[in-house]
Amino acid sequence: MELGNSLGRKLPINVDGAIAAVISDMGFDWRLGKGFFLISRVPGLVAHAYEELTRERPMRKLGVWNYEYDGPPERRITDQE
């Protein structure tokens, strides 16, 4: 029985659901779906960030930037006994 039929409504599936279905068919626990989803995307994200840093004008600010603290001034804290 399909889940959509038992719920009485259509159940759209996203990539997480598709990955969970595939890994379940492979014998893995469906709850590992998020892990497989992340594992498959990390190399591409790392390569993209590396390419931005070394070859192209970055689409976002990566790396070390000079920041200046603009919060409350430093204060002295004493022991309260």
C-alpha atoms as a PDB file:
ATOM      1  CA  MET A   1       0.000   0.000   0.000  1.00  0.00           C
ATOM      2  CA  GLU A   2       1.321   3.435  -0.906  1.00  0.00           C
ATOM      3  CA  LEU A   3       1.700   6.052   1.817  1.00  0.00           C
ATOM      4  CA  GLY A   4      -0.239   8.581  -0.248  1.00  0.00           C
ATOM      5  CA  ASN A   5      -3.230   6.209  -0.397  1.00  0.00           C
ATOM      6  CA  SER A   6      -3.133   5.499   3.326  1.00  0.00           C
ATOM      7  CA  LEU A   7      -2.990   9.247   4.087  1.00  0.00           C
ATOM      8  CA  GLY A   8      -5.783  10.003   1.643  1.00  0.00           C
ATOM      9  CA  ARG A   9      -3.799  12.740  -0.132  1.00  0.00           C
ATOM     10  CA  LYS A  10      -0.968  13.160  -2.585  1.00  0.00           C
ATOM     11  CA  LEU A  11       2.486  12.975  -1.047  1.00  0.00           C
ATOM     12  CA  PRO A  12       5.087  14.925  -3.047  1.00  0.00           C
ATOM     13  CA  ILE A  13       8.608  13.525  -2.851  1.00  0.00           C
ATOM     14  CA  ASN A  14      11.777  15.607  -2.739  1.00  0.00           C
ATOM     15  CA  VAL A  15      15.398  14.569  -3.207  1.00  0.00           C
ATOM     16  CA  ASP A  16      15.680  13.527   0.454  1.00  0.00           C
ATOM     17  CA  GLY A  17      12.732  11.187   0.035  1.00  0.00           C
ATOM     18  CA  ALA A  18      14.151   9.750  -3.176  1.00  0.00           C
ATOM     19  CA  ILE A  19      17.528   9.120  -1.534  1.00  0.00           C
ATOM     20  CA  ALA A  20      15.833   7.477   1.463  1.00  0.00           C
ATOM     21  CA  ALA A  21      13.857   5.208  -0.905  1.00  0.00           C
ATOM     22  CA  VAL A  22      16.951   4.207  -2.890  1.00  0.00           C
ATOM     23  CA  ILE A  23      19.118   3.478   0.141  1.00  0.00           C
ATOM     24  CA  SER A  24      16.250   1.546   1.727  1.00  0.00           C
ATOM     25  CA  ASP A  25      16.115  -0.633  -1.386  1.00  0.00           C
ATOM     26  CA  MET A  26      19.880  -1.121  -0.975  1.00  0.00           C
ATOM     27  CA  GLY A  27      19.315  -2.443   2.556  1.00  0.00           C
ATOM     28  CA  PHE A  28      20.291   0.686   4.516  1.00  0.00           C
ATOM     29  CA  ASP A  29      18.073   2.216   7.191  1.00  0.00           C
ATOM     30  CA  TRP A  30      15.965   5.047   5.670  1.00  0.00           C
ATOM     31  CA  ARG A  31      17.099   7.377   8.485  1.00  0.00           C
ATOM     32  CA  LEU A  32      20.563   7.491   6.910  1.00  0.00           C
ATOM     33  CA  GLY A  33      19.108   9.486   3.984  1.00  0.00           C
ATOM     34  CA  LYS A  34      20.311  12.891   5.242  1.00  0.00           C
ATOM     35  CA  GLY A  35      23.825  11.538   5.695  1.00  0.00           C
ATOM     36  CA  PHE A  36      23.918  10.158   2.150  1.00  0.00           C
ATOM     37  CA  PHE A  37      22.489  13.436   0.860  1.00  0.00           C
ATOM     38  CA  LEU A  38      25.287  15.410   2.560  1.00  0.00           C
ATOM     39  CA  ILE A  39      28.053  12.985   1.611  1.00  0.00           C
ATOM     40  CA  SER A  40      27.111  13.279  -2.047  1.00  0.00           C
ATOM     41  CA  ARG A  41      27.214  17.078  -2.043  1.00  0.00           C
ATOM     42  CA  VAL A  42      30.243  17.949   0.111  1.00  0.00           C
ATOM     43  CA  PRO A  43      32.916  17.301  -2.580  1.00  0.00           C
ATOM     44  CA  GLY A  44      31.138  19.629  -5.001  1.00  0.00           C
ATOM     45  CA  LEU A  45      30.756  22.353  -2.385  1.00  0.00           C
ATOM     46  CA  VAL A  46      34.436  22.113  -1.422  1.00  0.00           C
ATOM     47  CA  ALA A  47      35.530  22.215  -5.072  1.00  0.00           C
ATOM     48  CA  HIS A  48      33.302  25.226  -5.732  1.00  0.00           C
ATOM     49  CA  ALA A  49      34.682  27.160  -2.742  1.00  0.00           C
ATOM     50  CA  TYR A  50      38.265  26.280  -3.748  1.00  0.00           C
ATOM     51  CA  GLU A  51      37.646  27.425  -7.315  1.00  0.00           C
ATOM     52  CA  GLU A  52      36.220  30.732  -6.088  1.00  0.00           C
ATOM     53  CA  LEU A  53      39.241  31.302  -3.867  1.00  0.00           C
ATOM     54  CA  THR A  54      41.856  30.447  -6.488  1.00  0.00           C
ATOM     55  CA  ARG A  55      40.505  31.137  -9.987  1.00  0.00           C
ATOM     56  CA  GLU A  56      37.483  33.379 -10.071  1.00  0.00           C
ATOM     57  CA  ARG A  57      36.040  36.459  -8.540  1.00  0.00           C
ATOM     58  CA  PRO A  58      34.179  35.175  -5.475  1.00  0.00           C
ATOM     59  CA  MET A  59      30.399  35.286  -5.371  1.00  0.00           C
ATOM     60  CA  ARG A  60      30.643  35.716  -1.601  1.00  0.00           C
ATOM     61  CA  LYS A  61      33.266  36.781   0.890  1.00  0.00           C
ATOM     62  CA  LEU A  62      35.394  33.762   1.807  1.00  0.00           C
ATOM     63  CA  GLY A  63      38.520  33.760   3.927  1.00  0.00           C
ATOM     64  CA  VAL A  64      39.933  36.206   6.429  1.00  0.00           C
ATOM     65  CA  TRP A  65      38.618  39.752   6.458  1.00  0.00           C
ATOM     66  CA  ASN A  66      39.568  42.594   8.772  1.00  0.00           C
ATOM     67  CA  TYR A  67      36.823  43.091  11.309  1.00  0.00           C
ATOM     68  CA  GLU A  68      36.520  45.781  13.906  1.00  0.00           C
ATOM     69  CA  TYR A  69      34.580  45.149  17.117  1.00  0.00           C
ATOM     70  CA  ASP A  70      31.816  47.697  17.610  1.00  0.00           C
ATOM     71  CA  GLY A  71      30.116  46.275  20.693  1.00  0.00           C
ATOM     72  CA  PRO A  72      30.106  47.558  24.261  1.00  0.00           C
ATOM     73  CA  PRO A  73      33.466  48.715  25.639  1.00  0.00           C
ATOM     74  CA  GLU A  74      35.592  46.330  27.696  1.00  0.00           C
ATOM     75  CA  ARG A  75      34.674  46.300  31.393  1.00  0.00           C
ATOM     76  CA  ARG A  76      36.359  45.062  34.496  1.00  0.00           C
ATOM     77  CA  ILE A  77      34.589  42.189  36.291  1.00  0.00           C
ATOM     78  CA  THR A  78      35.310  41.667  39.981  1.00  0.00           C
ATOM     79  CA  ASP A  79      34.543  38.766  42.307  1.00  0.00           C
ATOM     80  CA  GLN A  80      31.299  39.176  44.163  1.00  0.00           C
ATOM     81  CA  GLU A  81      31.663  37.396  47.481  1.00  0.00           C
END
